[in-house]
Amino acid sequence: MEITGNIIRVLPEKSGEGRNGPWRKLDFIMETGGEYPKKVCISVWGDRIDQFALKEGERVTAAVNIESREFNERWYTDVKAWKITRDAADIPGDQGSAPMGAPPPFDAPPPTEEPPGMEEDDLPF
């Protein structure tokens, strides 16, 4: 699932030690657009914190996983970002090219004519 909006707040990073070793977590608040904008708290874990380098005011699209879990008869929902794409207008020096990390557009070569003497049913095997 993807959510697009503006980052309105980046919360302080949290870290700790778990049974699987050290962990890092960064939460940010994104406000969606549209007639009825919503605020969504999204988490980024581990090395992706440094990779994404989020800043307040940026317009981004976050690819997220949503998961709920139960603890003591209460339900908690996590929205975890696994990919962030910045709006082309927010990338310095960018003139409307593909988003960060996107492959260049593929231009297929023009169709070629078959060599003379090749029939449609002529197969080399």
PDB file of N, CA and C in Angstrom:
ATOM      1  N   MET A   1       0.843  -1.161   0.000  1.00  0.00           N
ATOM      2  CA  MET A   1       0.000   0.000   0.000  1.00  0.00           C
ATOM      3  C   MET A   1       0.897   1.235   0.000  1.00  0.00           C
ATOM      4  N   GLU A   2       0.460   2.276  -0.689  1.00  0.00           N
ATOM      5  CA  GLU A   2       1.225   3.518  -0.748  1.00  0.00           C
ATOM      6  C   GLU A   2       0.405   4.676  -0.190  1.00  0.00           C
ATOM      7  N   ILE A   3       1.091   5.566   0.534  1.00  0.00           N
ATOM      8  CA  ILE A   3       0.476   6.765   1.092  1.00  0.00           C
ATOM      9  C   ILE A   3       1.308   7.950   0.637  1.00  0.00           C
ATOM     10  N   THR A   4       0.654   8.955   0.057  1.00  0.00           N
ATOM     11  CA  THR A   4       1.351  10.154  -0.409  1.00  0.00           C
ATOM     12  C   THR A   4       0.911  11.348   0.420  1.00  0.00           C
ATOM     13  N   GLY A   5       1.870  12.177   0.788  1.00  0.00           N
ATOM     14  CA  GLY A   5       1.546  13.370   1.550  1.00  0.00           C
ATOM     15  C   GLY A   5       2.790  14.145   1.926  1.00  0.00           C
ATOM     16  N   ASN A   6       2.592  15.146   2.786  1.00  0.00           N
ATOM     17  CA  ASN A   6       3.684  15.993   3.256  1.00  0.00           C
ATOM     18  C   ASN A   6       4.093  15.565   4.655  1.00  0.00           C
ATOM     19  N   ILE A   7       5.412  15.540   4.886  1.00  0.00           N
ATOM     20  CA  ILE A   7       5.908  15.237   6.227  1.00  0.00           C
ATOM     21  C   ILE A   7       5.749  16.505   7.062  1.00  0.00           C
ATOM     22  N   ILE A   8       4.916  16.425   8.086  1.00  0.00           N
ATOM     23  CA  ILE A   8       4.686  17.618   8.911  1.00  0.00           C
ATOM     24  C   ILE A   8       5.492  17.580  10.203  1.00  0.00           C
ATOM     25  N   ARG A   9       5.996  16.386  10.582  1.00  0.00           N
ATOM     26  CA  ARG A   9       6.813  16.305  11.787  1.00  0.00           C
ATOM     27  C   ARG A   9       7.648  15.041  11.755  1.00  0.00           C
ATOM     28  N   VAL A  10       8.918  15.154  12.132  1.00  0.00           N
ATOM     29  CA  VAL A  10       9.804  14.009  12.308  1.00  0.00           C
ATOM     30  C   VAL A  10      10.088  13.928  13.807  1.00  0.00           C
ATOM     31  N   LEU A  11       9.678  12.832  14.427  1.00  0.00           N
ATOM     32  CA  LEU A  11       9.841  12.661  15.871  1.00  0.00           C
ATOM     33  C   LEU A  11      11.263  12.183  16.192  1.00  0.00           C
ATOM     34  N   PRO A  12      11.705  12.350  17.437  1.00  0.00           N
ATOM     35  CA  PRO A  12      13.056  11.892  17.799  1.00  0.00           C
ATOM     36  C   PRO A  12      13.219  10.379  17.613  1.00  0.00           C
ATOM     37  N   GLU A  13      14.417   9.987  17.221  1.00  0.00           N
ATOM     38  CA  GLU A  13      14.722   8.568  17.032  1.00  0.00           C
ATOM     39  C   GLU A  13      14.734   7.854  18.378  1.00  0.00           C
ATOM     40  N   LYS A  14      14.241   6.616  18.380  1.00  0.00           N
ATOM     41  CA  LYS A  14      14.261   5.762  19.564  1.00  0.00           C
ATOM     42  C   LYS A  14      15.169   4.582  19.278  1.00  0.00           C
ATOM     43  N   SER A  15      15.828   4.073  20.307  1.00  0.00           N
ATOM     44  CA  SER A  15      16.677   2.896  20.132  1.00  0.00           C
ATOM     45  C   SER A  15      16.671   2.089  21.417  1.00  0.00           C
ATOM     46  N   GLY A  16      17.111   0.852  21.297  1.00  0.00           N
ATOM     47  CA  GLY A  16      17.152  -0.012  22.463  1.00  0.00           C
ATOM     48  C   GLY A  16      17.820  -1.322  22.139  1.00  0.00           C
ATOM     49  N   GLU A  17      17.755  -2.218  23.089  1.00  0.00           N
ATOM     50  CA  GLU A  17      18.361  -3.537  22.952  1.00  0.00           C
ATOM     51  C   GLU A  17      17.260  -4.568  23.137  1.00  0.00           C
ATOM     52  N   GLY A  18      17.100  -5.449  22.153  1.00  0.00           N
ATOM     53  CA  GLY A  18      16.105  -6.516  22.227  1.00  0.00           C
ATOM     54  C   GLY A  18      16.780  -7.870  22.263  1.00  0.00           C
ATOM     55  N   ARG A  19      15.980  -8.920  22.267  1.00  0.00           N
ATOM     56  CA  ARG A  19      16.564 -10.263  22.305  1.00  0.00           C
ATOM     57  C   ARG A  19      17.323 -10.591  21.024  1.00  0.00           C
ATOM     58  N   ASN A  20      17.031  -9.870  19.926  1.00  0.00           N
ATOM     59  CA  ASN A  20      17.745 -10.076  18.658  1.00  0.00           C
ATOM     60  C   ASN A  20      18.863  -9.061  18.443  1.00  0.00           C
ATOM     61  N   GLY A  21      19.162  -8.254  19.447  1.00  0.00           N
ATOM     62  CA  GLY A  21      20.228  -7.269  19.329  1.00  0.00           C
ATOM     63  C   GLY A  21      19.683  -5.848  19.353  1.00  0.00           C
ATOM     64  N   PRO A  22      20.527  -4.860  19.007  1.00  0.00           N
ATOM     65  CA  PRO A  22      20.100  -3.456  19.062  1.00  0.00           C
ATOM     66  C   PRO A  22      19.090  -3.137  17.958  1.00  0.00           C
ATOM     67  N   TRP A  23      18.220  -2.149  18.243  1.00  0.00           N
ATOM     68  CA  TRP A  23      17.230  -1.717  17.262  1.00  0.00           C
ATOM     69  C   TRP A  23      17.140  -0.195  17.274  1.00  0.00           C
ATOM     70  N   ARG A  24      16.691   0.359  16.140  1.00  0.00           N
ATOM     71  CA  ARG A  24      16.470   1.799  15.973  1.00  0.00           C
ATOM     72  C   ARG A  24      15.124   1.999  15.306  1.00  0.00           C
ATOM     73  N   LYS A  25      14.416   3.048  15.720  1.00  0.00           N
ATOM     74  CA  LYS A  25      13.094   3.341  15.156  1.00  0.00           C
ATOM     75  C   LYS A  25      12.922   4.851  15.073  1.00  0.00           C
ATOM     76  N   LEU A  26      12.366   5.309  13.940  1.00  0.00           N
ATOM     77  CA  LEU A  26      12.062   6.727  13.754  1.00  0.00           C
ATOM     78  C   LEU A  26      10.620   6.834  13.283  1.00  0.00           C
ATOM     79  N   ASP A  27       9.823   7.637  13.972  1.00  0.00           N
ATOM     80  CA  ASP A  27       8.437   7.885  13.572  1.00  0.00           C
ATOM     81  C   ASP A  27       8.350   9.260  12.922  1.00  0.00           C
ATOM     82  N   PHE A  28       7.510   9.358  11.896  1.00  0.00           N
ATOM     83  CA  PHE A  28       7.220  10.668  11.311  1.00  0.00           C
ATOM     84  C   PHE A  28       5.735  10.762  11.028  1.00  0.00           C
ATOM     85  N   ILE A  29       5.246  11.988  11.004  1.00  0.00           N
ATOM     86  CA  ILE A  29       3.831  12.235  10.784  1.00  0.00           C
ATOM     87  C   ILE A  29       3.669  12.778   9.372  1.00  0.00           C
ATOM     88  N   MET A  30       2.805  12.123   8.603  1.00  0.00           N
ATOM     89  CA  MET A  30       2.525  12.542   7.231  1.00  0.00           C
ATOM     90  C   MET A  30       1.072  12.984   7.159  1.00  0.00           C
ATOM     91  N   GLU A  31       0.838  14.087   6.461  1.00  0.00           N
ATOM     92  CA  GLU A  31      -0.523  14.550   6.236  1.00  0.00           C
ATOM     93  C   GLU A  31      -0.862  14.334   4.772  1.00  0.00           C
ATOM     94  N   THR A  32      -1.933  13.577   4.531  1.00  0.00           N
ATOM     95  CA  THR A  32      -2.357  13.292   3.165  1.00  0.00           C
ATOM     96  C   THR A  32      -3.092  14.499   2.603  1.00  0.00           C
ATOM     97  N   GLY A  33      -3.265  14.526   1.307  1.00  0.00           N
ATOM     98  CA  GLY A  33      -3.990  15.618   0.662  1.00  0.00           C
ATOM     99  C   GLY A  33      -5.446  15.254   0.468  1.00  0.00           C
ATOM    100  N   GLY A  34      -6.092  15.995  -0.400  1.00  0.00           N
ATOM    101  CA  GLY A  34      -7.478  15.700  -0.718  1.00  0.00           C
ATOM    102  C   GLY A  34      -8.450  16.551   0.071  1.00  0.00           C
ATOM    103  N   GLU A  35      -9.710  16.265  -0.129  1.00  0.00           N
ATOM    104  CA  GLU A  35     -10.768  17.044   0.504  1.00  0.00           C
ATOM    105  C   GLU A  35     -10.773  16.845   2.022  1.00  0.00           C
ATOM    106  N   TYR A  36     -10.455  15.631   2.479  1.00  0.00           N
ATOM    107  CA  TYR A  36     -10.436  15.312   3.903  1.00  0.00           C
ATOM    108  C   TYR A  36      -9.048  14.791   4.277  1.00  0.00           C
ATOM    109  N   PRO A  37      -8.059  15.684   4.477  1.00  0.00           N
ATOM    110  CA  PRO A  37      -6.700  15.222   4.778  1.00  0.00           C
ATOM    111  C   PRO A  37      -6.646  14.470   6.104  1.00  0.00           C
ATOM    112  N   LYS A  38      -5.796  13.450   6.132  1.00  0.00           N
ATOM    113  CA  LYS A  38      -5.595  12.630   7.329  1.00  0.00           C
ATOM    114  C   LYS A  38      -4.140  12.723   7.754  1.00  0.00           C
ATOM    115  N   LYS A  39      -3.900  12.582   9.040  1.00  0.00           N
ATOM    116  CA  LYS A  39      -2.543  12.501   9.574  1.00  0.00           C
ATOM    117  C   LYS A  39      -2.267  11.041   9.908  1.00  0.00           C
ATOM    118  N   VAL A  40      -1.094  10.557   9.469  1.00  0.00           N
ATOM    119  CA  VAL A  40      -0.721   9.165   9.679  1.00  0.00           C
ATOM    120  C   VAL A  40       0.681   9.133  10.280  1.00  0.00           C
ATOM    121  N   CYS A  41       0.848   8.371  11.373  1.00  0.00           N
ATOM    122  CA  CYS A  41       2.160   8.170  11.972  1.00  0.00           C
ATOM    123  C   CYS A  41       2.771   6.925  11.330  1.00  0.00           C
ATOM    124  N   ILE A  42       3.932   7.103  10.708  1.00  0.00           N
ATOM    125  CA  ILE A  42       4.608   6.019   9.988  1.00  0.00           C
ATOM    126  C   ILE A  42       5.965   5.786  10.640  1.00  0.00           C
ATOM    127  N   SER A  43       6.355   4.529  10.796  1.00  0.00           N
ATOM    128  CA  SER A  43       7.629   4.161  11.417  1.00  0.00           C
ATOM    129  C   SER A  43       8.626   3.708  10.364  1.00  0.00           C
ATOM    130  N   VAL A  44       9.888   4.058  10.604  1.00  0.00           N
ATOM    131  CA  VAL A  44      11.006   3.584   9.787  1.00  0.00           C
ATOM    132  C   VAL A  44      11.964   2.892  10.758  1.00  0.00           C
ATOM    133  N   TRP A  45      12.431   1.708  10.384  1.00  0.00           N
ATOM    134  CA  TRP A  45      13.277   0.911  11.275  1.00  0.00           C
ATOM    135  C   TRP A  45      14.681   0.731  10.715  1.00  0.00           C
ATOM    136  N   GLY A  46      15.659   0.637  11.596  1.00  0.00           N
ATOM    137  CA  GLY A  46      17.028   0.244  11.263  1.00  0.00           C
ATOM    138  C   GLY A  46      17.765   1.198  10.339  1.00  0.00           C
ATOM    139  N   ASP A  47      18.513   0.607   9.408  1.00  0.00           N
ATOM    140  CA  ASP A  47      19.365   1.382   8.494  1.00  0.00           C
ATOM    141  C   ASP A  47      18.562   2.252   7.537  1.00  0.00           C
ATOM    142  N   ARG A  48      17.286   1.982   7.370  1.00  0.00           N
ATOM    143  CA  ARG A  48      16.465   2.801   6.471  1.00  0.00           C
ATOM    144  C   ARG A  48      16.314   4.220   7.003  1.00  0.00           C
ATOM    145  N   ILE A  49      16.514   4.418   8.290  1.00  0.00           N
ATOM    146  CA  ILE A  49      16.464   5.768   8.864  1.00  0.00           C
ATOM    147  C   ILE A  49      17.492   6.645   8.170  1.00  0.00           C
ATOM    148  N   ASP A  50      18.728   6.154   8.065  1.00  0.00           N
ATOM    149  CA  ASP A  50      19.799   6.912   7.404  1.00  0.00           C
ATOM    150  C   ASP A  50      19.584   6.967   5.901  1.00  0.00           C
ATOM    151  N   GLN A  51      19.111   5.885   5.315  1.00  0.00           N
ATOM    152  CA  GLN A  51      18.898   5.801   3.872  1.00  0.00           C
ATOM    153  C   GLN A  51      17.853   6.819   3.412  1.00  0.00           C
ATOM    154  N   PHE A  52      16.750   6.943   4.148  1.00  0.00           N
ATOM    155  CA  PHE A  52      15.671   7.841   3.738  1.00  0.00           C
ATOM    156  C   PHE A  52      15.963   9.301   4.082  1.00  0.00           C
ATOM    157  N   ALA A  53      16.666   9.589   5.176  1.00  0.00           N
ATOM    158  CA  ALA A  53      17.021  10.951   5.599  1.00  0.00           C
ATOM    159  C   ALA A  53      15.828  11.907   5.460  1.00  0.00           C
ATOM    160  N   LEU A  54      14.778  11.626   6.185  1.00  0.00           N
ATOM    161  CA  LEU A  54      13.529  12.384   6.071  1.00  0.00           C
ATOM    162  C   LEU A  54      13.653  13.775   6.694  1.00  0.00           C
ATOM    163  N   LYS A  55      12.967  14.735   6.070  1.00  0.00           N
ATOM    164  CA  LYS A  55      12.959  16.116   6.556  1.00  0.00           C
ATOM    165  C   LYS A  55      11.538  16.649   6.553  1.00  0.00           C
ATOM    166  N   GLU A  56      11.232  17.466   7.528  1.00  0.00           N
ATOM    167  CA  GLU A  56       9.908  18.081   7.589  1.00  0.00           C
ATOM    168  C   GLU A  56       9.704  18.956   6.356  1.00  0.00           C
ATOM    169  N   GLY A  57       8.479  18.964   5.840  1.00  0.00           N
ATOM    170  CA  GLY A  57       8.130  19.773   4.680  1.00  0.00           C
ATOM    171  C   GLY A  57       8.249  19.048   3.355  1.00  0.00           C
ATOM    172  N   GLU A  58       8.915  17.894   3.331  1.00  0.00           N
ATOM    173  CA  GLU A  58       9.049  17.139   2.079  1.00  0.00           C
ATOM    174  C   GLU A  58       7.721  16.489   1.700  1.00  0.00           C
ATOM    175  N   ARG A  59       7.491  16.386   0.398  1.00  0.00           N
ATOM    176  CA  ARG A  59       6.339  15.632  -0.116  1.00  0.00           C
ATOM    177  C   ARG A  59       6.871  14.286  -0.585  1.00  0.00           C
ATOM    178  N   VAL A  60       6.343  13.203  -0.013  1.00  0.00           N
ATOM    179  CA  VAL A  60       6.846  11.865  -0.305  1.00  0.00           C
ATOM    180  C   VAL A  60       5.696  10.894  -0.512  1.00  0.00           C
ATOM    181  N   THR A  61       6.043   9.772  -1.121  1.00  0.00           N
ATOM    182  CA  THR A  61       5.147   8.625  -1.195  1.00  0.00           C
ATOM    183  C   THR A  61       5.823   7.505  -0.430  1.00  0.00           C
ATOM    184  N   ALA A  62       5.125   6.974   0.563  1.00  0.00           N
ATOM    185  CA  ALA A  62       5.661   5.904   1.398  1.00  0.00           C
ATOM    186  C   ALA A  62       4.966   4.594   1.048  1.00  0.00           C
ATOM    187  N   ALA A  63       5.760   3.588   0.683  1.00  0.00           N
ATOM    188  CA  ALA A  63       5.232   2.236   0.514  1.00  0.00           C
ATOM    189  C   ALA A  63       5.279   1.610   1.907  1.00  0.00           C
ATOM    190  N   VAL A  64       4.125   1.175   2.403  1.00  0.00           N
ATOM    191  CA  VAL A  64       4.028   0.738   3.794  1.00  0.00           C
ATOM    192  C   VAL A  64       3.399  -0.647   3.921  1.00  0.00           C
ATOM    193  N   ASN A  65       3.713  -1.282   5.034  1.00  0.00           N
ATOM    194  CA  ASN A  65       3.024  -2.488   5.479  1.00  0.00           C
ATOM    195  C   ASN A  65       2.245  -2.100   6.728  1.00  0.00           C
ATOM    196  N   ILE A  66       1.008  -2.550   6.821  1.00  0.00           N
ATOM    197  CA  ILE A  66       0.167  -2.267   7.976  1.00  0.00           C
ATOM    198  C   ILE A  66      -0.087  -3.585   8.689  1.00  0.00           C
ATOM    199  N   GLU A  67       0.161  -3.583   9.995  1.00  0.00           N
ATOM    200  CA  GLU A  67      -0.006  -4.801  10.767  1.00  0.00           C
ATOM    201  C   GLU A  67      -0.546  -4.451  12.155  1.00  0.00           C
ATOM    202  N   SER A  68      -1.480  -5.253  12.644  1.00  0.00           N
ATOM    203  CA  SER A  68      -2.031  -5.074  13.986  1.00  0.00           C
ATOM    204  C   SER A  68      -1.677  -6.287  14.829  1.00  0.00           C
ATOM    205  N   ARG A  69      -1.532  -6.048  16.131  1.00  0.00           N
ATOM    206  CA  ARG A  69      -1.262  -7.142  17.062  1.00  0.00           C
ATOM    207  C   ARG A  69      -2.017  -6.881  18.361  1.00  0.00           C
ATOM    208  N   GLU A  70      -2.290  -7.944  19.094  1.00  0.00           N
ATOM    209  CA  GLU A  70      -3.061  -7.851  20.328  1.00  0.00           C
ATOM    210  C   GLU A  70      -2.142  -8.041  21.526  1.00  0.00           C
ATOM    211  N   PHE A  71      -2.331  -7.239  22.552  1.00  0.00           N
ATOM    212  CA  PHE A  71      -1.589  -7.366  23.792  1.00  0.00           C
ATOM    213  C   PHE A  71      -2.524  -6.979  24.933  1.00  0.00           C
ATOM    214  N   ASN A  72      -2.730  -7.897  25.867  1.00  0.00           N
ATOM    215  CA  ASN A  72      -3.626  -7.660  27.013  1.00  0.00           C
ATOM    216  C   ASN A  72      -5.007  -7.185  26.587  1.00  0.00           C
ATOM    217  N   GLU A  73      -5.561  -7.870  25.608  1.00  0.00           N
ATOM    218  CA  GLU A  73      -6.903  -7.584  25.093  1.00  0.00           C
ATOM    219  C   GLU A  73      -7.049  -6.194  24.482  1.00  0.00           C
ATOM    220  N   ARG A  74      -5.940  -5.601  24.066  1.00  0.00           N
ATOM    221  CA  ARG A  74      -5.961  -4.327  23.335  1.00  0.00           C
ATOM    222  C   ARG A  74      -5.221  -4.539  22.025  1.00  0.00           C
ATOM    223  N   TRP A  75      -5.649  -3.823  20.984  1.00  0.00           N
ATOM    224  CA  TRP A  75      -5.042  -3.968  19.665  1.00  0.00           C
ATOM    225  C   TRP A  75      -4.196  -2.744  19.346  1.00  0.00           C
ATOM    226  N   TYR A  76      -3.017  -3.002  18.775  1.00  0.00           N
ATOM    227  CA  TYR A  76      -2.083  -1.950  18.387  1.00  0.00           C
ATOM    228  C   TYR A  76      -1.755  -2.128  16.906  1.00  0.00           C
ATOM    229  N   THR A  77      -1.732  -1.022  16.176  1.00  0.00           N
ATOM    230  CA  THR A  77      -1.478  -1.068  14.738  1.00  0.00           C
ATOM    231  C   THR A  77      -0.188  -0.332  14.410  1.00  0.00           C
ATOM    232  N   ASP A  78       0.664  -0.967  13.601  1.00  0.00           N
ATOM    233  CA  ASP A  78       1.916  -0.366  13.125  1.00  0.00           C
ATOM    234  C   ASP A  78       1.803  -0.098  11.639  1.00  0.00           C
ATOM    235  N   VAL A  79       2.285   1.058  11.229  1.00  0.00           N
ATOM    236  CA  VAL A  79       2.406   1.400   9.811  1.00  0.00           C
ATOM    237  C   VAL A  79       3.903   1.573   9.578  1.00  0.00           C
ATOM    238  N   LYS A  80       4.525   0.604   8.889  1.00  0.00           N
ATOM    239  CA  LYS A  80       5.978   0.586   8.694  1.00  0.00           C
ATOM    240  C   LYS A  80       6.320   0.867   7.237  1.00  0.00           C
ATOM    241  N   ALA A  81       7.167   1.881   7.014  1.00  0.00           N
ATOM    242  CA  ALA A  81       7.616   2.225   5.659  1.00  0.00           C
ATOM    243  C   ALA A  81       8.781   1.326   5.269  1.00  0.00           C
ATOM    244  N   TRP A  82       8.710   0.783   4.046  1.00  0.00           N
ATOM    245  CA  TRP A  82       9.825  -0.010   3.530  1.00  0.00           C
ATOM    246  C   TRP A  82      10.450   0.632   2.304  1.00  0.00           C
ATOM    247  N   LYS A  83       9.795   1.675   1.787  1.00  0.00           N
ATOM    248  CA  LYS A  83      10.342   2.425   0.646  1.00  0.00           C
ATOM    249  C   LYS A  83       9.760   3.833   0.693  1.00  0.00           C
ATOM    250  N   ILE A  84      10.603   4.818   0.414  1.00  0.00           N
ATOM    251  CA  ILE A  84      10.168   6.217   0.351  1.00  0.00           C
ATOM    252  C   ILE A  84      10.590   6.774  -1.003  1.00  0.00           C
ATOM    253  N   THR A  85       9.648   7.406  -1.702  1.00  0.00           N
ATOM    254  CA  THR A  85       9.933   8.071  -2.971  1.00  0.00           C
ATOM    255  C   THR A  85       9.608   9.540  -2.796  1.00  0.00           C
ATOM    256  N   ARG A  86      10.581  10.391  -3.083  1.00  0.00           N
ATOM    257  CA  ARG A  86      10.367  11.828  -2.957  1.00  0.00           C
ATOM    258  C   ARG A  86       9.684  12.373  -4.200  1.00  0.00           C
ATOM    259  N   ASP A  87       8.876  13.409  -4.004  1.00  0.00           N
ATOM    260  CA  ASP A  87       8.254  14.115  -5.109  1.00  0.00           C
ATOM    261  C   ASP A  87       9.370  14.769  -5.921  1.00  0.00           C
ATOM    262  N   ALA A  88       9.296  14.717  -7.237  1.00  0.00           N
ATOM    263  CA  ALA A  88      10.351  15.253  -8.107  1.00  0.00           C
ATOM    264  C   ALA A  88      10.623  16.727  -7.820  1.00  0.00           C
ATOM    265  N   ALA A  89       9.632  17.491  -7.408  1.00  0.00           N
ATOM    266  CA  ALA A  89       9.819  18.914  -7.134  1.00  0.00           C
ATOM    267  C   ALA A  89      10.664  19.130  -5.885  1.00  0.00           C
ATOM    268  N   ASP A  90      10.768  18.135  -4.987  1.00  0.00           N
ATOM    269  CA  ASP A  90      11.528  18.274  -3.744  1.00  0.00           C
ATOM    270  C   ASP A  90      12.981  17.847  -3.881  1.00  0.00           C
ATOM    271  N   ILE A  91      13.378  17.293  -5.030  1.00  0.00           N
ATOM    272  CA  ILE A  91      14.743  16.834  -5.222  1.00  0.00           C
ATOM    273  C   ILE A  91      15.553  17.982  -5.808  1.00  0.00           C
ATOM    274  N   PRO A  92      16.601  18.448  -5.090  1.00  0.00           N
ATOM    275  CA  PRO A  92      17.386  19.574  -5.596  1.00  0.00           C
ATOM    276  C   PRO A  92      18.022  19.254  -6.940  1.00  0.00           C
ATOM    277  N   GLY A  93      17.961  20.205  -7.863  1.00  0.00           N
ATOM    278  CA  GLY A  93      18.576  20.046  -9.168  1.00  0.00           C
ATOM    279  C   GLY A  93      17.822  19.135 -10.102  1.00  0.00           C
ATOM    280  N   ASP A  94      16.684  18.648  -9.705  1.00  0.00           N
ATOM    281  CA  ASP A  94      15.901  17.735 -10.546  1.00  0.00           C
ATOM    282  C   ASP A  94      14.912  18.538 -11.370  1.00  0.00           C
ATOM    283  N   GLN A  95      14.796  18.221 -12.596  1.00  0.00           N
ATOM    284  CA  GLN A  95      13.893  18.934 -13.492  1.00  0.00           C
ATOM    285  C   GLN A  95      12.758  18.029 -13.923  1.00  0.00           C
ATOM    286  N   GLY A  96      12.140  17.317 -12.978  1.00  0.00           N
ATOM    287  CA  GLY A  96      10.982  16.500 -13.316  1.00  0.00           C
ATOM    288  C   GLY A  96      11.324  15.110 -13.822  1.00  0.00           C
ATOM    289  N   SER A  97      12.497  14.598 -13.469  1.00  0.00           N
ATOM    290  CA  SER A  97      12.839  13.249 -13.912  1.00  0.00           C
ATOM    291  C   SER A  97      12.191  12.228 -12.988  1.00  0.00           C
ATOM    292  N   ALA A  98      12.552  10.977 -13.160  1.00  0.00           N
ATOM    293  CA  ALA A  98      11.969   9.903 -12.358  1.00  0.00           C
ATOM    294  C   ALA A  98      12.313  10.102 -10.883  1.00  0.00           C
ATOM    295  N   PRO A  99      11.490   9.579  -9.959  1.00  0.00           N
ATOM    296  CA  PRO A  99      11.758   9.703  -8.527  1.00  0.00           C
ATOM    297  C   PRO A  99      13.066   9.037  -8.140  1.00  0.00           C
ATOM    298  N   MET A 100      13.619   9.417  -6.975  1.00  0.00           N
ATOM    299  CA  MET A 100      14.869   8.855  -6.503  1.00  0.00           C
ATOM    300  C   MET A 100      14.788   7.346  -6.429  1.00  0.00           C
ATOM    301  N   GLY A 101      15.795   6.685  -6.941  1.00  0.00           N
ATOM    302  CA  GLY A 101      15.842   5.243  -6.873  1.00  0.00           C
ATOM    303  C   GLY A 101      15.091   4.546  -7.992  1.00  0.00           C
ATOM    304  N   ALA A 102      14.367   5.298  -8.815  1.00  0.00           N
ATOM    305  CA  ALA A 102      13.613   4.677  -9.902  1.00  0.00           C
ATOM    306  C   ALA A 102      14.548   4.425 -11.079  1.00  0.00           C
ATOM    307  N   PRO A 103      14.378   3.310 -11.772  1.00  0.00           N
ATOM    308  CA  PRO A 103      15.223   3.055 -12.930  1.00  0.00           C
ATOM    309  C   PRO A 103      14.888   4.024 -14.059  1.00  0.00           C
ATOM    310  N   PRO A 104      15.843   4.271 -14.955  1.00  0.00           N
ATOM    311  CA  PRO A 104      15.543   5.159 -16.078  1.00  0.00           C
ATOM    312  C   PRO A 104      14.459   4.552 -16.960  1.00  0.00           C
ATOM    313  N   PRO A 105      13.712   5.397 -17.657  1.00  0.00           N
ATOM    314  CA  PRO A 105      12.653   4.856 -18.506  1.00  0.00           C
ATOM    315  C   PRO A 105      13.238   3.964 -19.594  1.00  0.00           C
ATOM    316  N   PHE A 106      12.506   2.930 -19.958  1.00  0.00           N
ATOM    317  CA  PHE A 106      12.948   1.983 -20.970  1.00  0.00           C
ATOM    318  C   PHE A 106      12.398   2.411 -22.321  1.00  0.00           C
ATOM    319  N   ASP A 107      13.293   2.606 -23.268  1.00  0.00           N
ATOM    320  CA  ASP A 107      12.887   2.917 -24.634  1.00  0.00           C
ATOM    321  C   ASP A 107      13.168   1.689 -25.481  1.00  0.00           C
ATOM    322  N   ALA A 108      12.128   1.026 -25.910  1.00  0.00           N
ATOM    323  CA  ALA A 108      12.278  -0.174 -26.724  1.00  0.00           C
ATOM    324  C   ALA A 108      12.797   0.219 -28.099  1.00  0.00           C
ATOM    325  N   PRO A 109      13.697  -0.597 -28.653  1.00  0.00           N
ATOM    326  CA  PRO A 109      14.179  -0.288 -29.997  1.00  0.00           C
ATOM    327  C   PRO A 109      13.036  -0.441 -31.003  1.00  0.00           C
ATOM    328  N   PRO A 110      13.110   0.287 -32.110  1.00  0.00           N
ATOM    329  CA  PRO A 110      12.040   0.174 -33.099  1.00  0.00           C
ATOM    330  C   PRO A 110      12.019  -1.235 -33.685  1.00  0.00           C
ATOM    331  N   PRO A 111      10.843  -1.717 -34.089  1.00  0.00           N
ATOM    332  CA  PRO A 111      10.772  -3.061 -34.665  1.00  0.00           C
ATOM    333  C   PRO A 111      11.604  -3.136 -35.943  1.00  0.00           C
ATOM    334  N   THR A 112      12.228  -4.280 -36.106  1.00  0.00           N
ATOM    335  CA  THR A 112      13.075  -4.456 -37.296  1.00  0.00           C
ATOM    336  C   THR A 112      12.375  -5.374 -38.282  1.00  0.00           C
ATOM    337  N   GLU A 113      12.748  -5.227 -39.516  1.00  0.00           N
ATOM    338  CA  GLU A 113      12.222  -6.099 -40.563  1.00  0.00           C
ATOM    339  C   GLU A 113      12.940  -7.437 -40.466  1.00  0.00           C
ATOM    340  N   GLU A 114      12.266  -8.524 -40.824  1.00  0.00           N
ATOM    341  CA  GLU A 114      12.921  -9.835 -40.852  1.00  0.00           C
ATOM    342  C   GLU A 114      13.869  -9.878 -42.041  1.00  0.00           C
ATOM    343  N   PRO A 115      15.007 -10.580 -41.875  1.00  0.00           N
ATOM    344  CA  PRO A 115      15.949 -10.682 -42.990  1.00  0.00           C
ATOM    345  C   PRO A 115      15.297 -11.374 -44.179  1.00  0.00           C
ATOM    346  N   PRO A 116      15.704 -11.015 -45.395  1.00  0.00           N
ATOM    347  CA  PRO A 116      15.113 -11.647 -46.572  1.00  0.00           C
ATOM    348  C   PRO A 116      15.373 -13.151 -46.549  1.00  0.00           C
ATOM    349  N   GLY A 117      14.394 -13.895 -47.011  1.00  0.00           N
ATOM    350  CA  GLY A 117      14.512 -15.343 -47.072  1.00  0.00           C
ATOM    351  C   GLY A 117      13.994 -16.039 -45.823  1.00  0.00           C
ATOM    352  N   MET A 118      13.738 -15.303 -44.752  1.00  0.00           N
ATOM    353  CA  MET A 118      13.203 -15.916 -43.533  1.00  0.00           C
ATOM    354  C   MET A 118      11.689 -15.978 -43.661  1.00  0.00           C
ATOM    355  N   GLU A 119      11.177 -17.160 -43.651  1.00  0.00           N
ATOM    356  CA  GLU A 119       9.741 -17.355 -43.683  1.00  0.00           C
ATOM    357  C   GLU A 119       9.245 -17.452 -42.245  1.00  0.00           C
ATOM    358  N   GLU A 120       7.974 -17.220 -42.061  1.00  0.00           N
ATOM    359  CA  GLU A 120       7.393 -17.262 -40.728  1.00  0.00           C
ATOM    360  C   GLU A 120       7.567 -18.632 -40.094  1.00  0.00           C
ATOM    361  N   ASP A 121       7.537 -19.722 -40.900  1.00  0.00           N
ATOM    362  CA  ASP A 121       7.656 -21.064 -40.348  1.00  0.00           C
ATOM    363  C   ASP A 121       9.081 -21.580 -40.341  1.00  0.00           C
ATOM    364  N   ASP A 122      10.072 -20.806 -40.799  1.00  0.00           N
ATOM    365  CA  ASP A 122      11.454 -21.241 -40.802  1.00  0.00           C
ATOM    366  C   ASP A 122      12.048 -21.086 -39.399  1.00  0.00           C
ATOM    367  N   LEU A 123      12.139 -22.208 -38.693  1.00  0.00           N
ATOM    368  CA  LEU A 123      12.717 -22.196 -37.366  1.00  0.00           C
ATOM    369  C   LEU A 123      14.069 -22.899 -37.427  1.00  0.00           C
ATOM    370  N   PRO A 124      15.056 -22.416 -36.699  1.00  0.00           N
ATOM    371  CA  PRO A 124      16.385 -23.027 -36.770  1.00  0.00           C
ATOM    372  C   PRO A 124      16.460 -24.357 -36.043  1.00  0.00           C
ATOM    373  N   PHE A 125      15.410 -24.852 -35.437  1.00  0.00           N
ATOM    374  CA  PHE A 125      15.475 -26.148 -34.741  1.00  0.00           C
ATOM    375  C   PHE A 125      14.326 -27.027 -35.148  1.00  0.00           C
TER     376      PHE A 125
END
